[in-house]
Amino acid sequence: MTIENQIRAFAGTFILVSLMLAHFHSQYWLFFTAFVGLNLLQSSFTKFCPLEIILRKIQKK
């Protein structure tokens, strides 16, 4: 699996989990959903993604 696919899988999972938490626990979890979405948006313009840095360091080991 490529790093880009891993990032998409992480983002999709985080969004779905935070939506479930917002539905069943507290609507404040929607702020986390917004954070993930904003991070995806900014990374499309700046090509900077913190998760990509972390995944590259993990793969080197």
PDB file of N, CA and C in Angstrom:
ATOM      1  N   MET A   1       0.850  -1.179   0.000  1.00  0.00           N
ATOM      2  CA  MET A   1       0.000   0.000   0.000  1.00  0.00           C
ATOM      3  C   MET A   1       0.892   1.237   0.000  1.00  0.00           C
ATOM      4  N   THR A   2       0.597   2.179  -0.876  1.00  0.00           N
ATOM      5  CA  THR A   2       1.408   3.385  -0.955  1.00  0.00           C
ATOM      6  C   THR A   2       1.086   4.330   0.205  1.00  0.00           C
ATOM      7  N   ILE A   3       1.966   5.280   0.428  1.00  0.00           N
ATOM      8  CA  ILE A   3       1.750   6.252   1.505  1.00  0.00           C
ATOM      9  C   ILE A   3       0.492   7.077   1.244  1.00  0.00           C
ATOM     10  N   GLU A   4       0.272   7.439  -0.011  1.00  0.00           N
ATOM     11  CA  GLU A   4      -0.933   8.210  -0.339  1.00  0.00           C
ATOM     12  C   GLU A   4      -2.200   7.438   0.008  1.00  0.00           C
ATOM     13  N   ASN A   5      -2.203   6.140  -0.273  1.00  0.00           N
ATOM     14  CA  ASN A   5      -3.364   5.318   0.078  1.00  0.00           C
ATOM     15  C   ASN A   5      -3.513   5.178   1.588  1.00  0.00           C
ATOM     16  N   GLN A   6      -2.401   5.079   2.289  1.00  0.00           N
ATOM     17  CA  GLN A   6      -2.457   5.000   3.746  1.00  0.00           C
ATOM     18  C   GLN A   6      -3.025   6.290   4.337  1.00  0.00           C
ATOM     19  N   ILE A   7      -2.630   7.430   3.789  1.00  0.00           N
ATOM     20  CA  ILE A   7      -3.147   8.708   4.274  1.00  0.00           C
ATOM     21  C   ILE A   7      -4.649   8.789   4.049  1.00  0.00           C
ATOM     22  N   ARG A   8      -5.091   8.382   2.869  1.00  0.00           N
ATOM     23  CA  ARG A   8      -6.529   8.396   2.586  1.00  0.00           C
ATOM     24  C   ARG A   8      -7.289   7.460   3.520  1.00  0.00           C
ATOM     25  N   ALA A   9      -6.714   6.299   3.806  1.00  0.00           N
ATOM     26  CA  ALA A   9      -7.363   5.342   4.709  1.00  0.00           C
ATOM     27  C   ALA A   9      -7.452   5.909   6.124  1.00  0.00           C
ATOM     28  N   PHE A  10      -6.359   6.518   6.617  1.00  0.00           N
ATOM     29  CA  PHE A  10      -6.369   7.149   7.937  1.00  0.00           C
ATOM     30  C   PHE A  10      -7.418   8.248   7.990  1.00  0.00           C
ATOM     31  N   ALA A  11      -7.407   9.131   6.995  1.00  0.00           N
ATOM     32  CA  ALA A  11      -8.343  10.257   6.997  1.00  0.00           C
ATOM     33  C   ALA A  11      -9.783   9.764   6.954  1.00  0.00           C
ATOM     34  N   GLY A  12     -10.067   8.818   6.095  1.00  0.00           N
ATOM     35  CA  GLY A  12     -11.420   8.284   6.018  1.00  0.00           C
ATOM     36  C   GLY A  12     -11.865   7.630   7.311  1.00  0.00           C
ATOM     37  N   THR A  13     -10.967   6.874   7.915  1.00  0.00           N
ATOM     38  CA  THR A  13     -11.284   6.227   9.189  1.00  0.00           C
ATOM     39  C   THR A  13     -11.530   7.258  10.281  1.00  0.00           C
ATOM     40  N   PHE A  14     -10.652   8.274  10.379  1.00  0.00           N
ATOM     41  CA  PHE A  14     -10.819   9.306  11.401  1.00  0.00           C
ATOM     42  C   PHE A  14     -12.126  10.069  11.204  1.00  0.00           C
ATOM     43  N   ILE A  15     -12.475  10.367   9.969  1.00  0.00           N
ATOM     44  CA  ILE A  15     -13.717  11.093   9.718  1.00  0.00           C
ATOM     45  C   ILE A  15     -14.922  10.251  10.119  1.00  0.00           C
ATOM     46  N   LEU A  16     -14.931   8.986   9.730  1.00  0.00           N
ATOM     47  CA  LEU A  16     -16.063   8.125  10.083  1.00  0.00           C
ATOM     48  C   LEU A  16     -16.185   7.916  11.591  1.00  0.00           C
ATOM     49  N   VAL A  17     -15.047   7.711  12.262  1.00  0.00           N
ATOM     50  CA  VAL A  17     -15.075   7.520  13.718  1.00  0.00           C
ATOM     51  C   VAL A  17     -15.553   8.782  14.415  1.00  0.00           C
ATOM     52  N   SER A  18     -15.062   9.942  13.989  1.00  0.00           N
ATOM     53  CA  SER A  18     -15.478  11.181  14.642  1.00  0.00           C
ATOM     54  C   SER A  18     -16.953  11.487  14.376  1.00  0.00           C
ATOM     55  N   LEU A  19     -17.454  11.115  13.196  1.00  0.00           N
ATOM     56  CA  LEU A  19     -18.886  11.291  12.947  1.00  0.00           C
ATOM     57  C   LEU A  19     -19.731  10.379  13.843  1.00  0.00           C
ATOM     58  N   MET A  20     -19.269   9.154  14.053  1.00  0.00           N
ATOM     59  CA  MET A  20     -19.986   8.256  14.963  1.00  0.00           C
ATOM     60  C   MET A  20     -19.945   8.794  16.388  1.00  0.00           C
ATOM     61  N   LEU A  21     -18.785   9.292  16.816  1.00  0.00           N
ATOM     62  CA  LEU A  21     -18.674   9.862  18.159  1.00  0.00           C
ATOM     63  C   LEU A  21     -19.569  11.092  18.310  1.00  0.00           C
ATOM     64  N   ALA A  22     -19.650  11.906  17.263  1.00  0.00           N
ATOM     65  CA  ALA A  22     -20.515  13.084  17.313  1.00  0.00           C
ATOM     66  C   ALA A  22     -21.979  12.679  17.418  1.00  0.00           C
ATOM     67  N   HIS A  23     -22.334  11.617  16.741  1.00  0.00           N
ATOM     68  CA  HIS A  23     -23.728  11.163  16.771  1.00  0.00           C
ATOM     69  C   HIS A  23     -24.096  10.549  18.126  1.00  0.00           C
ATOM     70  N   PHE A  24     -23.207   9.732  18.683  1.00  0.00           N
ATOM     71  CA  PHE A  24     -23.536   8.990  19.893  1.00  0.00           C
ATOM     72  C   PHE A  24     -23.042   9.628  21.185  1.00  0.00           C
ATOM     73  N   HIS A  25     -22.069  10.533  21.105  1.00  0.00           N
ATOM     74  CA  HIS A  25     -21.484  11.063  22.339  1.00  0.00           C
ATOM     75  C   HIS A  25     -21.662  12.579  22.452  1.00  0.00           C
ATOM     76  N   SER A  26     -20.952  13.335  21.627  1.00  0.00           N
ATOM     77  CA  SER A  26     -20.996  14.790  21.728  1.00  0.00           C
ATOM     78  C   SER A  26     -20.756  15.407  20.356  1.00  0.00           C
ATOM     79  N   GLN A  27     -21.502  16.443  20.062  1.00  0.00           N
ATOM     80  CA  GLN A  27     -21.341  17.092  18.767  1.00  0.00           C
ATOM     81  C   GLN A  27     -20.007  17.824  18.640  1.00  0.00           C
ATOM     82  N   TYR A  28     -19.286  18.005  19.722  1.00  0.00           N
ATOM     83  CA  TYR A  28     -17.975  18.649  19.657  1.00  0.00           C
ATOM     84  C   TYR A  28     -16.957  17.827  18.876  1.00  0.00           C
ATOM     85  N   TRP A  29     -17.244  16.547  18.658  1.00  0.00           N
ATOM     86  CA  TRP A  29     -16.361  15.722  17.841  1.00  0.00           C
ATOM     87  C   TRP A  29     -16.358  16.179  16.389  1.00  0.00           C
ATOM     88  N   LEU A  30     -17.343  16.966  15.988  1.00  0.00           N
ATOM     89  CA  LEU A  30     -17.362  17.482  14.622  1.00  0.00           C
ATOM     90  C   LEU A  30     -16.203  18.450  14.372  1.00  0.00           C
ATOM     91  N   PHE A  31     -15.668  19.042  15.437  1.00  0.00           N
ATOM     92  CA  PHE A  31     -14.482  19.882  15.276  1.00  0.00           C
ATOM     93  C   PHE A  31     -13.292  19.045  14.808  1.00  0.00           C
ATOM     94  N   PHE A  32     -13.199  17.817  15.297  1.00  0.00           N
ATOM     95  CA  PHE A  32     -12.134  16.917  14.848  1.00  0.00           C
ATOM     96  C   PHE A  32     -12.324  16.555  13.374  1.00  0.00           C
ATOM     97  N   THR A  33     -13.582  16.330  12.989  1.00  0.00           N
ATOM     98  CA  THR A  33     -13.877  16.048  11.585  1.00  0.00           C
ATOM     99  C   THR A  33     -13.453  17.222  10.716  1.00  0.00           C
ATOM    100  N   ALA A  34     -13.760  18.428  11.164  1.00  0.00           N
ATOM    101  CA  ALA A  34     -13.370  19.627  10.420  1.00  0.00           C
ATOM    102  C   ALA A  34     -11.857  19.759  10.347  1.00  0.00           C
ATOM    103  N   PHE A  35     -11.160  19.430  11.428  1.00  0.00           N
ATOM    104  CA  PHE A  35      -9.699  19.503  11.439  1.00  0.00           C
ATOM    105  C   PHE A  35      -9.099  18.555  10.401  1.00  0.00           C
ATOM    106  N   VAL A  36      -9.610  17.345  10.333  1.00  0.00           N
ATOM    107  CA  VAL A  36      -9.109  16.377   9.353  1.00  0.00           C
ATOM    108  C   VAL A  36      -9.366  16.889   7.939  1.00  0.00           C
ATOM    109  N   GLY A  37     -10.562  17.401   7.694  1.00  0.00           N
ATOM    110  CA  GLY A  37     -10.894  17.931   6.382  1.00  0.00           C
ATOM    111  C   GLY A  37     -10.028  19.119   5.998  1.00  0.00           C
ATOM    112  N   LEU A  38      -9.808  20.031   6.938  1.00  0.00           N
ATOM    113  CA  LEU A  38      -8.949  21.191   6.660  1.00  0.00           C
ATOM    114  C   LEU A  38      -7.512  20.772   6.404  1.00  0.00           C
ATOM    115  N   ASN A  39      -7.046  19.789   7.144  1.00  0.00           N
ATOM    116  CA  ASN A  39      -5.678  19.301   6.931  1.00  0.00           C
ATOM    117  C   ASN A  39      -5.541  18.684   5.544  1.00  0.00           C
ATOM    118  N   LEU A  40      -6.533  17.928   5.110  1.00  0.00           N
ATOM    119  CA  LEU A  40      -6.509  17.365   3.758  1.00  0.00           C
ATOM    120  C   LEU A  40      -6.512  18.473   2.710  1.00  0.00           C
ATOM    121  N   LEU A  41      -7.315  19.495   2.934  1.00  0.00           N
ATOM    122  CA  LEU A  41      -7.398  20.598   1.984  1.00  0.00           C
ATOM    123  C   LEU A  41      -6.078  21.362   1.891  1.00  0.00           C
ATOM    124  N   GLN A  42      -5.493  21.706   3.050  1.00  0.00           N
ATOM    125  CA  GLN A  42      -4.236  22.453   3.017  1.00  0.00           C
ATOM    126  C   GLN A  42      -3.114  21.614   2.438  1.00  0.00           C
ATOM    127  N   SER A  43      -3.117  20.312   2.671  1.00  0.00           N
ATOM    128  CA  SER A  43      -2.043  19.478   2.135  1.00  0.00           C
ATOM    129  C   SER A  43      -2.135  19.354   0.614  1.00  0.00           C
ATOM    130  N   SER A  44      -3.327  19.520   0.072  1.00  0.00           N
ATOM    131  CA  SER A  44      -3.457  19.478  -1.385  1.00  0.00           C
ATOM    132  C   SER A  44      -2.826  20.702  -2.034  1.00  0.00           C
ATOM    133  N   PHE A  45      -2.780  21.821  -1.314  1.00  0.00           N
ATOM    134  CA  PHE A  45      -2.175  23.035  -1.851  1.00  0.00           C
ATOM    135  C   PHE A  45      -0.697  23.154  -1.513  1.00  0.00           C
ATOM    136  N   THR A  46      -0.319  22.797  -0.276  1.00  0.00           N
ATOM    137  CA  THR A  46       1.053  23.016   0.190  1.00  0.00           C
ATOM    138  C   THR A  46       1.948  21.801   0.028  1.00  0.00           C
ATOM    139  N   LYS A  47       1.364  20.631  -0.212  1.00  0.00           N
ATOM    140  CA  LYS A  47       2.107  19.363  -0.285  1.00  0.00           C
ATOM    141  C   LYS A  47       2.782  19.020   1.043  1.00  0.00           C
ATOM    142  N   PHE A  48       2.286  19.585   2.148  1.00  0.00           N
ATOM    143  CA  PHE A  48       2.805  19.283   3.482  1.00  0.00           C
ATOM    144  C   PHE A  48       1.747  18.519   4.260  1.00  0.00           C
ATOM    145  N   CYS A  49       2.109  17.306   4.682  1.00  0.00           N
ATOM    146  CA  CYS A  49       1.184  16.473   5.444  1.00  0.00           C
ATOM    147  C   CYS A  49       1.956  15.843   6.606  1.00  0.00           C
ATOM    148  N   PRO A  50       1.615  16.187   7.853  1.00  0.00           N
ATOM    149  CA  PRO A  50       2.320  15.611   9.003  1.00  0.00           C
ATOM    150  C   PRO A  50       2.251  14.084   9.042  1.00  0.00           C
ATOM    151  N   LEU A  51       1.119  13.512   8.657  1.00  0.00           N
ATOM    152  CA  LEU A  51       0.988  12.050   8.666  1.00  0.00           C
ATOM    153  C   LEU A  51       1.955  11.417   7.681  1.00  0.00           C
ATOM    154  N   GLU A  52       2.183  12.066   6.548  1.00  0.00           N
ATOM    155  CA  GLU A  52       3.132  11.528   5.574  1.00  0.00           C
ATOM    156  C   GLU A  52       4.539  11.457   6.166  1.00  0.00           C
ATOM    157  N   ILE A  53       4.932  12.467   6.917  1.00  0.00           N
ATOM    158  CA  ILE A  53       6.250  12.470   7.570  1.00  0.00           C
ATOM    159  C   ILE A  53       6.352  11.313   8.556  1.00  0.00           C
ATOM    160  N   ILE A  54       5.304  11.122   9.340  1.00  0.00           N
ATOM    161  CA  ILE A  54       5.297  10.039  10.329  1.00  0.00           C
ATOM    162  C   ILE A  54       5.379   8.680   9.644  1.00  0.00           C
ATOM    163  N   LEU A  55       4.580   8.493   8.598  1.00  0.00           N
ATOM    164  CA  LEU A  55       4.572   7.202   7.898  1.00  0.00           C
ATOM    165  C   LEU A  55       5.914   6.911   7.232  1.00  0.00           C
ATOM    166  N   ARG A  56       6.549   7.916   6.686  1.00  0.00           N
ATOM    167  CA  ARG A  56       7.878   7.716   6.059  1.00  0.00           C
ATOM    168  C   ARG A  56       8.908   7.304   7.104  1.00  0.00           C
ATOM    169  N   LYS A  57       8.846   7.895   8.303  1.00  0.00           N
ATOM    170  CA  LYS A  57       9.784   7.536   9.368  1.00  0.00           C
ATOM    171  C   LYS A  57       9.533   6.108   9.845  1.00  0.00           C
ATOM    172  N   ILE A  58       8.277   5.713   9.912  1.00  0.00           N
ATOM    173  CA  ILE A  58       7.953   4.349  10.334  1.00  0.00           C
ATOM    174  C   ILE A  58       8.440   3.329   9.321  1.00  0.00           C
ATOM    175  N   GLN A  59       8.291   3.640   8.036  1.00  0.00           N
ATOM    176  CA  GLN A  59       8.692   2.707   6.983  1.00  0.00           C
ATOM    177  C   GLN A  59      10.215   2.551   6.894  1.00  0.00           C
ATOM    178  N   LYS A  60      10.971   3.553   7.318  1.00  0.00           N
ATOM    179  CA  LYS A  60      12.423   3.477   7.270  1.00  0.00           C
ATOM    180  C   LYS A  60      12.982   2.468   8.276  1.00  0.00           C
ATOM    181  N   LYS A  61      12.220   2.256   9.357  1.00  0.00           N
ATOM    182  CA  LYS A  61      12.699   1.363  10.414  1.00  0.00           C
ATOM    183  C   LYS A  61      12.551  -0.080  10.041  1.00  0.00           C
TER     184      LYS A  61
END
